[in-house]
């Protein structure tokens, strides 16, 4: 069973949040762009880094999955939480 690593906000391209970037993710994104009501991680869908989610992202996802020489945005790590000082006097 896969458990999400809480230190990672998302894996680039893994829009269905199953822990793997694969063709299922591109399919979910295509459905969203076609107007279907689907659940997905919006932040993980912008694989070309232009701050939009569109068919350019789908195209880049498919090219990456087909082993073309393309870059996708990296996974984004969440900043460390503020921890209280636990020192005793």
Protein backbone atom coordinates (compact mmCIF):
# COMPACT_ATOMS: atom_id res chain seq x y z
CA UNK A 1 0.00 0.00 0.00
CA UNK A 2 1.36 3.41 -0.96
CA UNK A 3 1.45 6.12 1.66
CA UNK A 4 2.04 9.71 0.68
CA UNK A 5 5.30 11.24 1.84
CA UNK A 6 4.15 14.29 3.78
CA UNK A 7 7.43 16.11 3.04
CA UNK A 8 6.38 16.35 -0.62
CA UNK A 9 3.50 18.64 -1.50
CA UNK A 10 3.07 16.88 -4.85
CA UNK A 11 4.89 14.88 -7.48
CA UNK A 12 4.99 16.78 -10.76
CA UNK A 13 2.58 15.17 -13.20
CA UNK A 14 0.98 12.88 -10.62
CA UNK A 15 -2.38 14.61 -10.87
CA UNK A 16 -4.39 11.68 -9.48
CA UNK A 17 -2.08 11.47 -6.42
CA UNK A 18 -1.50 7.73 -6.59
CA UNK A 19 2.26 8.14 -6.16
CA UNK A 20 3.14 7.41 -9.79
CA UNK A 21 3.38 9.69 -12.81
CA UNK A 22 1.86 7.68 -15.65
CA UNK A 23 -0.70 7.74 -18.48
CA UNK A 24 -3.57 7.64 -15.97
CA UNK A 25 -2.55 11.15 -14.92
CA UNK A 26 -2.70 12.46 -18.48
CA UNK A 27 -6.12 10.84 -18.86
CA UNK A 28 -7.46 12.55 -15.73
CA UNK A 29 -6.16 15.89 -16.96
CA UNK A 30 -7.75 15.42 -20.40
CA UNK A 31 -11.08 14.65 -18.73
CA UNK A 32 -10.80 17.80 -16.59
CA UNK A 33 -10.00 19.97 -19.60
CA UNK A 34 -12.97 18.43 -21.46
CA UNK A 35 -15.26 19.60 -18.66
CA UNK A 36 -15.72 16.39 -16.70
CA UNK A 37 -16.01 16.56 -12.92
CA UNK A 38 -12.82 14.80 -11.78
CA UNK A 39 -10.70 15.04 -8.66
CA UNK A 40 -7.06 15.86 -9.16
CA UNK A 41 -4.12 17.83 -7.76
CA UNK A 42 -4.12 21.13 -9.62
CA UNK A 43 -0.58 22.06 -8.55
CA UNK A 44 0.81 18.83 -10.01
CA UNK A 45 -0.85 19.46 -13.38
CA UNK A 46 1.29 22.45 -14.43
CA UNK A 47 4.20 20.40 -15.73
CA UNK A 48 5.51 23.08 -18.08
CA UNK A 49 5.64 25.75 -15.38
CA UNK A 50 3.57 28.45 -17.09
CA UNK A 51 1.10 28.76 -14.18
CA UNK A 52 -1.75 27.41 -16.34
CA UNK A 53 -3.34 24.01 -16.71
CA UNK A 54 -4.06 23.33 -20.36
CA UNK A 55 -3.41 20.98 -23.27
CA UNK A 56 0.22 22.11 -23.36
CA UNK A 57 0.63 20.32 -20.03
CA UNK A 58 -1.07 17.19 -21.37
CA UNK A 59 1.19 17.26 -24.42
CA UNK A 60 4.31 17.59 -22.28
CA UNK A 61 3.14 14.79 -19.97
CA UNK A 62 2.62 12.42 -22.90
CA UNK A 63 5.99 13.33 -24.41
CA UNK A 64 7.74 12.71 -21.09
CA UNK A 65 5.97 9.36 -20.69
CA UNK A 66 7.04 8.44 -24.25
CA UNK A 67 10.67 9.08 -23.18
CA UNK A 68 11.11 12.19 -25.29
CA UNK A 69 13.82 14.57 -24.13
CA UNK A 70 11.54 17.07 -22.36
CA UNK A 71 11.67 18.62 -18.92
CA UNK A 72 8.79 18.73 -16.49
CA UNK A 73 8.60 20.84 -13.37
CA UNK A 74 10.07 19.20 -10.31
CA UNK A 75 8.11 17.99 -7.31
CA UNK A 76 7.59 20.70 -4.75
CA UNK A 77 8.61 20.16 -1.17
CA UNK A 78 6.59 21.67 1.61
CA UNK A 79 8.53 24.05 3.85
CA UNK A 80 9.44 22.68 7.26
CA UNK A 81 6.86 23.41 9.91
CA UNK A 82 7.70 25.91 12.60
CA UNK A 83 8.70 23.96 15.63
CA UNK A 84 8.53 25.40 19.11
CA UNK A 85 11.70 25.63 21.13
CA UNK A 86 11.60 22.69 23.53
CA UNK A 87 14.61 23.64 25.62
CA UNK A 88 14.05 23.75 29.35
CA UNK A 89 15.42 26.43 31.61
